Amino acid sequence: MMSPELIPKVHSVAVDRDMCITAATCLAFGIYELDDEAKAVLLTNNGSNSDDPQNPLHNAEGFVTVSDLLNPQNESYEQMQARVFESAQSCPFHAIIVKDENGEQIWPPTIV
């Protein structure tokens, strides 16, 4: 895992269901599972996932904050930021979207 000091300040993460084609590289990071359609969903610390419409831990766009993600190893916030950022980088189809605390997309890079 990358050193937390080298990771951008990750605030929230979501999976773009249209871009996800089940490469499943994200599963190695322990914060995702595959749903009934074989799409990656985020695991949240309330025992549900980001695909559940009743889950209050995601917003309307499906973003979940780093502090609301499942954290069974009880890692620090900085370690979880690194886990999220690395998991997003591992997706060959750029289906994992990461935003900073200002709501700016930091992964995948946007083309201007």
PDB file of N, CA and C in Angstrom:
ATOM      1  N   MET A   1       0.843  -1.187   0.000  1.00  0.00           N
ATOM      2  CA  MET A   1       0.000   0.000   0.000  1.00  0.00           C
ATOM      3  C   MET A   1       0.881   1.240   0.000  1.00  0.00           C
ATOM      4  N   MET A   2       0.426   2.242  -0.735  1.00  0.00           N
ATOM      5  CA  MET A   2       1.181   3.497  -0.802  1.00  0.00           C
ATOM      6  C   MET A   2       1.236   4.157   0.564  1.00  0.00           C
ATOM      7  N   SER A   3       2.252   4.949   0.755  1.00  0.00           N
ATOM      8  CA  SER A   3       2.374   5.706   1.984  1.00  0.00           C
ATOM      9  C   SER A   3       1.246   6.734   2.048  1.00  0.00           C
ATOM     10  N   PRO A   4       0.523   6.804   3.183  1.00  0.00           N
ATOM     11  CA  PRO A   4      -0.596   7.755   3.284  1.00  0.00           C
ATOM     12  C   PRO A   4      -0.216   9.202   2.986  1.00  0.00           C
ATOM     13  N   GLU A   5       1.039   9.580   3.218  1.00  0.00           N
ATOM     14  CA  GLU A   5       1.456  10.962   2.955  1.00  0.00           C
ATOM     15  C   GLU A   5       1.432  11.288   1.462  1.00  0.00           C
ATOM     16  N   LEU A   6       1.510  10.268   0.617  1.00  0.00           N
ATOM     17  CA  LEU A   6       1.550  10.477  -0.830  1.00  0.00           C
ATOM     18  C   LEU A   6       0.161  10.448  -1.476  1.00  0.00           C
ATOM     19  N   ILE A   7      -0.855  10.159  -0.697  1.00  0.00           N
ATOM     20  CA  ILE A   7      -2.211  10.018  -1.217  1.00  0.00           C
ATOM     21  C   ILE A   7      -2.940  11.356  -1.152  1.00  0.00           C
ATOM     22  N   PRO A   8      -3.672  11.713  -2.197  1.00  0.00           N
ATOM     23  CA  PRO A   8      -4.493  12.931  -2.115  1.00  0.00           C
ATOM     24  C   PRO A   8      -5.530  12.801  -0.990  1.00  0.00           C
ATOM     25  N   LYS A   9      -6.051  13.895  -0.553  1.00  0.00           N
ATOM     26  CA  LYS A   9      -7.042  13.912   0.531  1.00  0.00           C
ATOM     27  C   LYS A   9      -8.389  13.412   0.014  1.00  0.00           C
ATOM     28  N   VAL A  10      -8.569  12.108   0.067  1.00  0.00           N
ATOM     29  CA  VAL A  10      -9.784  11.450  -0.414  1.00  0.00           C
ATOM     30  C   VAL A  10     -10.906  11.685   0.592  1.00  0.00           C
ATOM     31  N   HIS A  11     -12.077  12.060   0.093  1.00  0.00           N
ATOM     32  CA  HIS A  11     -13.227  12.242   0.961  1.00  0.00           C
ATOM     33  C   HIS A  11     -14.323  11.219   0.697  1.00  0.00           C
ATOM     34  N   SER A  12     -14.625  10.976  -0.589  1.00  0.00           N
ATOM     35  CA  SER A  12     -15.719  10.058  -0.913  1.00  0.00           C
ATOM     36  C   SER A  12     -15.407   9.276  -2.177  1.00  0.00           C
ATOM     37  N   VAL A  13     -16.166   8.188  -2.345  1.00  0.00           N
ATOM     38  CA  VAL A  13     -15.912   7.272  -3.454  1.00  0.00           C
ATOM     39  C   VAL A  13     -17.233   6.682  -3.925  1.00  0.00           C
ATOM     40  N   ALA A  14     -17.311   6.381  -5.213  1.00  0.00           N
ATOM     41  CA  ALA A  14     -18.494   5.739  -5.792  1.00  0.00           C
ATOM     42  C   ALA A  14     -18.044   4.852  -6.946  1.00  0.00           C
ATOM     43  N   VAL A  15     -18.922   3.950  -7.339  1.00  0.00           N
ATOM     44  CA  VAL A  15     -18.662   3.098  -8.496  1.00  0.00           C
ATOM     45  C   VAL A  15     -19.632   3.490  -9.606  1.00  0.00           C
ATOM     46  N   ASP A  16     -19.075   3.777 -10.771  1.00  0.00           N
ATOM     47  CA  ASP A  16     -19.888   4.070 -11.946  1.00  0.00           C
ATOM     48  C   ASP A  16     -20.343   2.737 -12.530  1.00  0.00           C
ATOM     49  N   ARG A  17     -21.603   2.399 -12.334  1.00  0.00           N
ATOM     50  CA  ARG A  17     -22.123   1.093 -12.739  1.00  0.00           C
ATOM     51  C   ARG A  17     -22.044   0.870 -14.248  1.00  0.00           C
ATOM     52  N   ASP A  18     -22.121   1.944 -15.021  1.00  0.00           N
ATOM     53  CA  ASP A  18     -22.018   1.798 -16.474  1.00  0.00           C
ATOM     54  C   ASP A  18     -20.596   1.445 -16.906  1.00  0.00           C
ATOM     55  N   MET A  19     -19.618   1.894 -16.155  1.00  0.00           N
ATOM     56  CA  MET A  19     -18.214   1.629 -16.493  1.00  0.00           C
ATOM     57  C   MET A  19     -17.714   0.307 -15.922  1.00  0.00           C
ATOM     58  N   CYS A  20     -18.346  -0.179 -14.857  1.00  0.00           N
ATOM     59  CA  CYS A  20     -17.898  -1.412 -14.194  1.00  0.00           C
ATOM     60  C   CYS A  20     -18.256  -2.619 -15.064  1.00  0.00           C
ATOM     61  N   ILE A  21     -17.226  -3.379 -15.423  1.00  0.00           N
ATOM     62  CA  ILE A  21     -17.492  -4.589 -16.199  1.00  0.00           C
ATOM     63  C   ILE A  21     -16.907  -5.829 -15.514  1.00  0.00           C
ATOM     64  N   THR A  22     -16.847  -5.798 -14.204  1.00  0.00           N
ATOM     65  CA  THR A  22     -16.486  -6.935 -13.383  1.00  0.00           C
ATOM     66  C   THR A  22     -15.047  -7.411 -13.570  1.00  0.00           C
ATOM     67  N   ALA A  23     -14.119  -6.499 -13.687  1.00  0.00           N
ATOM     68  CA  ALA A  23     -12.708  -6.889 -13.682  1.00  0.00           C
ATOM     69  C   ALA A  23     -12.349  -7.427 -12.296  1.00  0.00           C
ATOM     70  N   ALA A  24     -13.020  -6.901 -11.276  1.00  0.00           N
ATOM     71  CA  ALA A  24     -12.921  -7.351  -9.885  1.00  0.00           C
ATOM     72  C   ALA A  24     -11.570  -7.100  -9.234  1.00  0.00           C
ATOM     73  N   THR A  25     -10.742  -6.263  -9.806  1.00  0.00           N
ATOM     74  CA  THR A  25      -9.468  -5.938  -9.156  1.00  0.00           C
ATOM     75  C   THR A  25      -9.695  -5.211  -7.834  1.00  0.00           C
ATOM     76  N   CYS A  26     -10.794  -4.506  -7.721  1.00  0.00           N
ATOM     77  CA  CYS A  26     -11.094  -3.756  -6.504  1.00  0.00           C
ATOM     78  C   CYS A  26     -11.400  -4.662  -5.310  1.00  0.00           C
ATOM     79  N   LEU A  27     -11.838  -5.887  -5.567  1.00  0.00           N
ATOM     80  CA  LEU A  27     -12.208  -6.783  -4.476  1.00  0.00           C
ATOM     81  C   LEU A  27     -11.049  -7.065  -3.532  1.00  0.00           C
ATOM     82  N   ALA A  28      -9.839  -7.000  -4.031  1.00  0.00           N
ATOM     83  CA  ALA A  28      -8.654  -7.264  -3.207  1.00  0.00           C
ATOM     84  C   ALA A  28      -8.492  -6.245  -2.081  1.00  0.00           C
ATOM     85  N   PHE A  29      -9.161  -5.115  -2.169  1.00  0.00           N
ATOM     86  CA  PHE A  29      -8.996  -4.056  -1.180  1.00  0.00           C
ATOM     87  C   PHE A  29      -9.967  -4.162  -0.007  1.00  0.00           C
ATOM     88  N   GLY A  30     -10.880  -5.118  -0.042  1.00  0.00           N
ATOM     89  CA  GLY A  30     -11.746  -5.397   1.094  1.00  0.00           C
ATOM     90  C   GLY A  30     -12.847  -4.402   1.373  1.00  0.00           C
ATOM     91  N   ILE A  31     -13.102  -3.478   0.473  1.00  0.00           N
ATOM     92  CA  ILE A  31     -14.175  -2.503   0.698  1.00  0.00           C
ATOM     93  C   ILE A  31     -15.241  -2.572  -0.389  1.00  0.00           C
ATOM     94  N   TYR A  32     -15.167  -3.617  -1.215  1.00  0.00           N
ATOM     95  CA  TYR A  32     -16.127  -3.818  -2.304  1.00  0.00           C
ATOM     96  C   TYR A  32     -16.610  -5.266  -2.279  1.00  0.00           C
ATOM     97  N   GLU A  33     -17.775  -5.458  -2.870  1.00  0.00           N
ATOM     98  CA  GLU A  33     -18.261  -6.791  -3.191  1.00  0.00           C
ATOM     99  C   GLU A  33     -19.000  -6.669  -4.521  1.00  0.00           C
ATOM    100  N   LEU A  34     -19.317  -7.813  -5.107  1.00  0.00           N
ATOM    101  CA  LEU A  34     -20.087  -7.800  -6.346  1.00  0.00           C
ATOM    102  C   LEU A  34     -21.553  -8.012  -6.020  1.00  0.00           C
ATOM    103  N   ASP A  35     -22.433  -7.267  -6.676  1.00  0.00           N
ATOM    104  CA  ASP A  35     -23.863  -7.416  -6.448  1.00  0.00           C
ATOM    105  C   ASP A  35     -24.438  -8.486  -7.373  1.00  0.00           C
ATOM    106  N   ASP A  36     -25.753  -8.588  -7.417  1.00  0.00           N
ATOM    107  CA  ASP A  36     -26.427  -9.603  -8.231  1.00  0.00           C
ATOM    108  C   ASP A  36     -26.179  -9.448  -9.729  1.00  0.00           C
ATOM    109  N   GLU A  37     -25.785  -8.247 -10.156  1.00  0.00           N
ATOM    110  CA  GLU A  37     -25.483  -7.996 -11.562  1.00  0.00           C
ATOM    111  C   GLU A  37     -23.984  -8.068 -11.839  1.00  0.00           C
ATOM    112  N   ALA A  38     -23.215  -8.563 -10.862  1.00  0.00           N
ATOM    113  CA  ALA A  38     -21.754  -8.661 -10.949  1.00  0.00           C
ATOM    114  C   ALA A  38     -21.091  -7.291 -11.120  1.00  0.00           C
ATOM    115  N   LYS A  39     -21.681  -6.283 -10.505  1.00  0.00           N
ATOM    116  CA  LYS A  39     -21.113  -4.941 -10.487  1.00  0.00           C
ATOM    117  C   LYS A  39     -20.548  -4.700  -9.092  1.00  0.00           C
ATOM    118  N   ALA A  40     -19.450  -3.964  -9.008  1.00  0.00           N
ATOM    119  CA  ALA A  40     -18.847  -3.651  -7.720  1.00  0.00           C
ATOM    120  C   ALA A  40     -19.720  -2.657  -6.957  1.00  0.00           C
ATOM    121  N   VAL A  41     -19.868  -2.900  -5.675  1.00  0.00           N
ATOM    122  CA  VAL A  41     -20.544  -1.969  -4.771  1.00  0.00           C
ATOM    123  C   VAL A  41     -19.662  -1.792  -3.545  1.00  0.00           C
ATOM    124  N   LEU A  42     -19.775  -0.655  -2.910  1.00  0.00           N
ATOM    125  CA  LEU A  42     -18.981  -0.355  -1.724  1.00  0.00           C
ATOM    126  C   LEU A  42     -19.629  -0.953  -0.483  1.00  0.00           C
ATOM    127  N   LEU A  43     -18.799  -1.476   0.413  1.00  0.00           N
ATOM    128  CA  LEU A  43     -19.288  -2.003   1.682  1.00  0.00           C
ATOM    129  C   LEU A  43     -19.223  -0.897   2.719  1.00  0.00           C
ATOM    130  N   THR A  44     -20.317  -0.677   3.429  1.00  0.00           N
ATOM    131  CA  THR A  44     -20.350   0.378   4.434  1.00  0.00           C
ATOM    132  C   THR A  44     -20.345  -0.215   5.837  1.00  0.00           C
ATOM    133  N   ASN A  45     -19.977   0.624   6.793  1.00  0.00           N
ATOM    134  CA  ASN A  45     -19.806   0.142   8.163  1.00  0.00           C
ATOM    135  C   ASN A  45     -21.118  -0.148   8.892  1.00  0.00           C
ATOM    136  N   ASN A  46     -22.257   0.018   8.233  1.00  0.00           N
ATOM    137  CA  ASN A  46     -23.526  -0.335   8.866  1.00  0.00           C
ATOM    138  C   ASN A  46     -24.003  -1.724   8.427  1.00  0.00           C
ATOM    139  N   GLY A  47     -23.133  -2.466   7.709  1.00  0.00           N
ATOM    140  CA  GLY A  47     -23.468  -3.822   7.290  1.00  0.00           C
ATOM    141  C   GLY A  47     -24.188  -3.907   5.965  1.00  0.00           C
ATOM    142  N   SER A  48     -24.404  -2.787   5.317  1.00  0.00           N
ATOM    143  CA  SER A  48     -25.084  -2.760   4.028  1.00  0.00           C
ATOM    144  C   SER A  48     -24.073  -2.390   2.949  1.00  0.00           C
ATOM    145  N   ASN A  49     -24.561  -2.153   1.740  1.00  0.00           N
ATOM    146  CA  ASN A  49     -23.656  -1.707   0.684  1.00  0.00           C
ATOM    147  C   ASN A  49     -24.255  -0.517  -0.051  1.00  0.00           C
ATOM    148  N   SER A  50     -23.446   0.077  -0.908  1.00  0.00           N
ATOM    149  CA  SER A  50     -23.854   1.308  -1.585  1.00  0.00           C
ATOM    150  C   SER A  50     -24.937   1.085  -2.631  1.00  0.00           C
ATOM    151  N   ASP A  51     -25.258  -0.154  -2.928  1.00  0.00           N
ATOM    152  CA  ASP A  51     -26.304  -0.474  -3.901  1.00  0.00           C
ATOM    153  C   ASP A  51     -27.697  -0.534  -3.256  1.00  0.00           C
ATOM    154  N   ASP A  52     -27.719  -0.586  -1.936  1.00  0.00           N
ATOM    155  CA  ASP A  52     -28.979  -0.698  -1.195  1.00  0.00           C
ATOM    156  C   ASP A  52     -29.652   0.673  -1.111  1.00  0.00           C
ATOM    157  N   PRO A  53     -30.822   0.855  -1.719  1.00  0.00           N
ATOM    158  CA  PRO A  53     -31.472   2.164  -1.700  1.00  0.00           C
ATOM    159  C   PRO A  53     -31.880   2.617  -0.299  1.00  0.00           C
ATOM    160  N   GLN A  54     -31.942   1.701   0.640  1.00  0.00           N
ATOM    161  CA  GLN A  54     -32.291   2.050   2.026  1.00  0.00           C
ATOM    162  C   GLN A  54     -31.070   2.439   2.857  1.00  0.00           C
ATOM    163  N   ASN A  55     -29.890   2.337   2.291  1.00  0.00           N
ATOM    164  CA  ASN A  55     -28.667   2.634   3.031  1.00  0.00           C
ATOM    165  C   ASN A  55     -28.471   4.144   3.130  1.00  0.00           C
ATOM    166  N   PRO A  56     -28.543   4.705   4.342  1.00  0.00           N
ATOM    167  CA  PRO A  56     -28.387   6.152   4.493  1.00  0.00           C
ATOM    168  C   PRO A  56     -26.940   6.630   4.382  1.00  0.00           C
ATOM    169  N   LEU A  57     -25.989   5.709   4.230  1.00  0.00           N
ATOM    170  CA  LEU A  57     -24.586   6.099   4.215  1.00  0.00           C
ATOM    171  C   LEU A  57     -24.054   6.444   2.820  1.00  0.00           C
ATOM    172  N   HIS A  58     -24.934   6.609   1.851  1.00  0.00           N
ATOM    173  CA  HIS A  58     -24.486   7.096   0.546  1.00  0.00           C
ATOM    174  C   HIS A  58     -25.429   8.192   0.097  1.00  0.00           C
ATOM    175  N   ASN A  59     -24.899   9.076  -0.740  1.00  0.00           N
ATOM    176  CA  ASN A  59     -25.745  10.174  -1.211  1.00  0.00           C
ATOM    177  C   ASN A  59     -26.455   9.770  -2.494  1.00  0.00           C
ATOM    178  N   ALA A  60     -27.207  10.664  -3.059  1.00  0.00           N
ATOM    179  CA  ALA A  60     -28.031  10.364  -4.233  1.00  0.00           C
ATOM    180  C   ALA A  60     -27.205   9.888  -5.425  1.00  0.00           C
ATOM    181  N   GLU A  61     -25.962  10.332  -5.520  1.00  0.00           N
ATOM    182  CA  GLU A  61     -25.097   9.908  -6.624  1.00  0.00           C
ATOM    183  C   GLU A  61     -24.362   8.610  -6.304  1.00  0.00           C
ATOM    184  N   GLY A  62     -24.581   8.045  -5.123  1.00  0.00           N
ATOM    185  CA  GLY A  62     -23.940   6.792  -4.751  1.00  0.00           C
ATOM    186  C   GLY A  62     -22.606   6.939  -4.047  1.00  0.00           C
ATOM    187  N   PHE A  63     -22.185   8.158  -3.748  1.00  0.00           N
ATOM    188  CA  PHE A  63     -20.904   8.367  -3.078  1.00  0.00           C
ATOM    189  C   PHE A  63     -21.011   8.045  -1.592  1.00  0.00           C
ATOM    190  N   VAL A  64     -19.963   7.423  -1.091  1.00  0.00           N
ATOM    191  CA  VAL A  64     -19.848   7.068   0.323  1.00  0.00           C
ATOM    192  C   VAL A  64     -18.583   7.740   0.841  1.00  0.00           C
ATOM    193  N   THR A  65     -18.644   8.321   2.029  1.00  0.00           N
ATOM    194  CA  THR A  65     -17.449   8.946   2.599  1.00  0.00           C
ATOM    195  C   THR A  65     -16.502   7.865   3.108  1.00  0.00           C
ATOM    196  N   VAL A  66     -15.239   8.206   3.160  1.00  0.00           N
ATOM    197  CA  VAL A  66     -14.221   7.274   3.641  1.00  0.00           C
ATOM    198  C   VAL A  66     -14.558   6.777   5.042  1.00  0.00           C
ATOM    199  N   SER A  67     -15.030   7.659   5.906  1.00  0.00           N
ATOM    200  CA  SER A  67     -15.331   7.262   7.289  1.00  0.00           C
ATOM    201  C   SER A  67     -16.542   6.336   7.389  1.00  0.00           C
ATOM    202  N   ASP A  68     -17.362   6.242   6.350  1.00  0.00           N
ATOM    203  CA  ASP A  68     -18.531   5.358   6.364  1.00  0.00           C
ATOM    204  C   ASP A  68     -18.268   3.995   5.721  1.00  0.00           C
ATOM    205  N   LEU A  69     -17.052   3.767   5.231  1.00  0.00           N
ATOM    206  CA  LEU A  69     -16.718   2.490   4.607  1.00  0.00           C
ATOM    207  C   LEU A  69     -16.420   1.423   5.656  1.00  0.00           C
ATOM    208  N   LEU A  70     -16.655   0.177   5.287  1.00  0.00           N
ATOM    209  CA  LEU A  70     -16.292  -0.944   6.137  1.00  0.00           C
ATOM    210  C   LEU A  70     -14.793  -0.879   6.409  1.00  0.00           C
ATOM    211  N   ASN A  71     -14.421  -1.051   7.673  1.00  0.00           N
ATOM    212  CA  ASN A  71     -13.020  -0.944   8.076  1.00  0.00           C
ATOM    213  C   ASN A  71     -12.709  -2.030   9.106  1.00  0.00           C
ATOM    214  N   PRO A  72     -12.736  -3.315   8.695  1.00  0.00           N
ATOM    215  CA  PRO A  72     -12.560  -4.399   9.666  1.00  0.00           C
ATOM    216  C   PRO A  72     -11.176  -4.441  10.312  1.00  0.00           C
ATOM    217  N   GLN A  73     -10.165  -3.878   9.655  1.00  0.00           N
ATOM    218  CA  GLN A  73      -8.822  -3.852  10.248  1.00  0.00           C
ATOM    219  C   GLN A  73      -8.620  -2.650  11.159  1.00  0.00           C
ATOM    220  N   ASN A  74      -9.656  -1.824  11.305  1.00  0.00           N
ATOM    221  CA  ASN A  74      -9.604  -0.635  12.144  1.00  0.00           C
ATOM    222  C   ASN A  74      -8.407   0.250  11.768  1.00  0.00           C
ATOM    223  N   GLU A  75      -8.272   0.484  10.470  1.00  0.00           N
ATOM    224  CA  GLU A  75      -7.184   1.324   9.980  1.00  0.00           C
ATOM    225  C   GLU A  75      -7.468   2.794  10.273  1.00  0.00           C
ATOM    226  N   SER A  76      -6.424   3.593  10.274  1.00  0.00           N
ATOM    227  CA  SER A  76      -6.586   5.029  10.478  1.00  0.00           C
ATOM    228  C   SER A  76      -7.301   5.629   9.258  1.00  0.00           C
ATOM    229  N   TYR A  77      -7.794   6.833   9.418  1.00  0.00           N
ATOM    230  CA  TYR A  77      -8.472   7.522   8.322  1.00  0.00           C
ATOM    231  C   TYR A  77      -7.523   7.666   7.138  1.00  0.00           C
ATOM    232  N   GLU A  78      -6.271   8.005   7.406  1.00  0.00           N
ATOM    233  CA  GLU A  78      -5.282   8.174   6.343  1.00  0.00           C
ATOM    234  C   GLU A  78      -5.027   6.856   5.615  1.00  0.00           C
ATOM    235  N   GLN A  79      -4.977   5.751   6.351  1.00  0.00           N
ATOM    236  CA  GLN A  79      -4.786   4.446   5.717  1.00  0.00           C
ATOM    237  C   GLN A  79      -5.989   4.088   4.845  1.00  0.00           C
ATOM    238  N   MET A  80      -7.179   4.426   5.314  1.00  0.00           N
ATOM    239  CA  MET A  80      -8.377   4.169   4.517  1.00  0.00           C
ATOM    240  C   MET A  80      -8.402   5.041   3.264  1.00  0.00           C
ATOM    241  N   GLN A  81      -7.940   6.292   3.375  1.00  0.00           N
ATOM    242  CA  GLN A  81      -7.836   7.137   2.187  1.00  0.00           C
ATOM    243  C   GLN A  81      -6.918   6.477   1.163  1.00  0.00           C
ATOM    244  N   ALA A  82      -5.796   5.948   1.625  1.00  0.00           N
ATOM    245  CA  ALA A  82      -4.854   5.276   0.734  1.00  0.00           C
ATOM    246  C   ALA A  82      -5.495   4.039   0.120  1.00  0.00           C
ATOM    247  N   ARG A  83      -6.236   3.272   0.919  1.00  0.00           N
ATOM    248  CA  ARG A  83      -6.906   2.064   0.421  1.00  0.00           C
ATOM    249  C   ARG A  83      -7.898   2.430  -0.695  1.00  0.00           C
ATOM    250  N   VAL A  84      -8.692   3.467  -0.479  1.00  0.00           N
ATOM    251  CA  VAL A  84      -9.677   3.899  -1.467  1.00  0.00           C
ATOM    252  C   VAL A  84      -8.985   4.363  -2.750  1.00  0.00           C
ATOM    253  N   PHE A  85      -7.967   5.193  -2.611  1.00  0.00           N
ATOM    254  CA  PHE A  85      -7.295   5.733  -3.788  1.00  0.00           C
ATOM    255  C   PHE A  85      -6.620   4.627  -4.592  1.00  0.00           C
ATOM    256  N   GLU A  86      -5.948   3.717  -3.919  1.00  0.00           N
ATOM    257  CA  GLU A  86      -5.290   2.611  -4.615  1.00  0.00           C
ATOM    258  C   GLU A  86      -6.300   1.681  -5.270  1.00  0.00           C
ATOM    259  N   SER A  87      -7.425   1.471  -4.609  1.00  0.00           N
ATOM    260  CA  SER A  87      -8.442   0.604  -5.217  1.00  0.00           C
ATOM    261  C   SER A  87      -8.972   1.232  -6.500  1.00  0.00           C
ATOM    262  N   ALA A  88      -9.157   2.545  -6.482  1.00  0.00           N
ATOM    263  CA  ALA A  88      -9.639   3.239  -7.677  1.00  0.00           C
ATOM    264  C   ALA A  88      -8.612   3.134  -8.802  1.00  0.00           C
ATOM    265  N   GLN A  89      -7.355   3.297  -8.467  1.00  0.00           N
ATOM    266  CA  GLN A  89      -6.307   3.196  -9.472  1.00  0.00           C
ATOM    267  C   GLN A  89      -6.191   1.784 -10.030  1.00  0.00           C
ATOM    268  N   SER A  90      -6.607   0.788  -9.266  1.00  0.00           N
ATOM    269  CA  SER A  90      -6.492  -0.603  -9.716  1.00  0.00           C
ATOM    270  C   SER A  90      -7.531  -0.975 -10.769  1.00  0.00           C
ATOM    271  N   CYS A  91      -8.588  -0.182 -10.889  1.00  0.00           N
ATOM    272  CA  CYS A  91      -9.657  -0.500 -11.836  1.00  0.00           C
ATOM    273  C   CYS A  91      -9.224  -0.141 -13.257  1.00  0.00           C
ATOM    274  N   PRO A  92      -9.097  -1.138 -14.132  1.00  0.00           N
ATOM    275  CA  PRO A  92      -8.633  -0.847 -15.489  1.00  0.00           C
ATOM    276  C   PRO A  92      -9.644  -0.076 -16.342  1.00  0.00           C
ATOM    277  N   PHE A  93     -10.879   0.047 -15.861  1.00  0.00           N
ATOM    278  CA  PHE A  93     -11.917   0.726 -16.635  1.00  0.00           C
ATOM    279  C   PHE A  93     -12.340   2.058 -16.036  1.00  0.00           C
ATOM    280  N   HIS A  94     -11.585   2.514 -15.023  1.00  0.00           N
ATOM    281  CA  HIS A  94     -11.857   3.797 -14.364  1.00  0.00           C
ATOM    282  C   HIS A  94     -13.299   3.902 -13.875  1.00  0.00           C
ATOM    283  N   ALA A  95     -13.813   2.812 -13.342  1.00  0.00           N
ATOM    284  CA  ALA A  95     -15.193   2.791 -12.856  1.00  0.00           C
ATOM    285  C   ALA A  95     -15.321   3.304 -11.428  1.00  0.00           C
ATOM    286  N   ILE A  96     -14.209   3.488 -10.739  1.00  0.00           N
ATOM    287  CA  ILE A  96     -14.249   3.969  -9.355  1.00  0.00           C
ATOM    288  C   ILE A  96     -13.898   5.446  -9.360  1.00  0.00           C
ATOM    289  N   ILE A  97     -14.843   6.252  -8.891  1.00  0.00           N
ATOM    290  CA  ILE A  97     -14.708   7.708  -8.890  1.00  0.00           C
ATOM    291  C   ILE A  97     -14.392   8.168  -7.476  1.00  0.00           C
ATOM    292  N   VAL A  98     -13.351   8.977  -7.331  1.00  0.00           N
ATOM    293  CA  VAL A  98     -12.916   9.476  -6.029  1.00  0.00           C
ATOM    294  C   VAL A  98     -12.986  10.994  -6.037  1.00  0.00           C
ATOM    295  N   LYS A  99     -13.530  11.547  -4.954  1.00  0.00           N
ATOM    296  CA  LYS A  99     -13.630  13.008  -4.818  1.00  0.00           C
ATOM    297  C   LYS A  99     -12.941  13.470  -3.543  1.00  0.00           C
ATOM    298  N   ASP A 100     -12.507  14.728  -3.552  1.00  0.00           N
ATOM    299  CA  ASP A 100     -11.918  15.322  -2.358  1.00  0.00           C
ATOM    300  C   ASP A 100     -13.016  15.986  -1.531  1.00  0.00           C
ATOM    301  N   GLU A 101     -12.618  16.628  -0.437  1.00  0.00           N
ATOM    302  CA  GLU A 101     -13.611  17.223   0.474  1.00  0.00           C
ATOM    303  C   GLU A 101     -14.381  18.375  -0.149  1.00  0.00           C
ATOM    304  N   ASN A 102     -13.895  18.941  -1.246  1.00  0.00           N
ATOM    305  CA  ASN A 102     -14.605  20.017  -1.945  1.00  0.00           C
ATOM    306  C   ASN A 102     -15.513  19.496  -3.050  1.00  0.00           C
ATOM    307  N   GLY A 103     -15.592  18.171  -3.177  1.00  0.00           N
ATOM    308  CA  GLY A 103     -16.428  17.579  -4.202  1.00  0.00           C
ATOM    309  C   GLY A 103     -15.780  17.522  -5.573  1.00  0.00           C
ATOM    310  N   GLU A 104     -14.481  17.839  -5.645  1.00  0.00           N
ATOM    311  CA  GLU A 104     -13.745  17.798  -6.899  1.00  0.00           C
ATOM    312  C   GLU A 104     -13.274  16.373  -7.171  1.00  0.00           C
ATOM    313  N   GLN A 105     -13.442  15.916  -8.380  1.00  0.00           N
ATOM    314  CA  GLN A 105     -12.998  14.580  -8.749  1.00  0.00           C
ATOM    315  C   GLN A 105     -11.475  14.549  -8.813  1.00  0.00           C
ATOM    316  N   ILE A 106     -10.870  13.604  -8.073  1.00  0.00           N
ATOM    317  CA  ILE A 106      -9.418  13.464  -8.103  1.00  0.00           C
ATOM    318  C   ILE A 106      -8.984  12.161  -8.780  1.00  0.00           C
ATOM    319  N   TRP A 107      -9.921  11.237  -8.987  1.00  0.00           N
ATOM    320  CA  TRP A 107      -9.641  10.025  -9.765  1.00  0.00           C
ATOM    321  C   TRP A 107     -10.931   9.527 -10.361  1.00  0.00           C
ATOM    322  N   PRO A 108     -10.939   9.080 -11.595  1.00  0.00           N
ATOM    323  CA  PRO A 108      -9.843   9.177 -12.545  1.00  0.00           C
ATOM    324  C   PRO A 108      -9.613  10.618 -12.961  1.00  0.00           C
ATOM    325  N   PRO A 109      -8.434  10.888 -13.492  1.00  0.00           N
ATOM    326  CA  PRO A 109      -8.150  12.261 -13.922  1.00  0.00           C
ATOM    327  C   PRO A 109      -9.164  12.699 -14.982  1.00  0.00           C
ATOM    328  N   THR A 110      -9.593  13.924 -14.878  1.00  0.00           N
ATOM    329  CA  THR A 110     -10.532  14.446 -15.870  1.00  0.00           C
ATOM    330  C   THR A 110      -9.746  15.118 -16.986  1.00  0.00           C
ATOM    331  N   ILE A 111     -10.257  14.995 -18.174  1.00  0.00           N
ATOM    332  CA  ILE A 111      -9.619  15.618 -19.329  1.00  0.00           C
ATOM    333  C   ILE A 111     -10.291  16.956 -19.579  1.00  0.00           C
ATOM    334  N   VAL A 112      -9.492  17.993 -19.659  1.00  0.00           N
ATOM    335  CA  VAL A 112     -10.034  19.332 -19.859  1.00  0.00           C
ATOM    336  C   VAL A 112      -9.960  19.766 -21.290  1.00  0.00           C
TER     337      VAL A 112
END
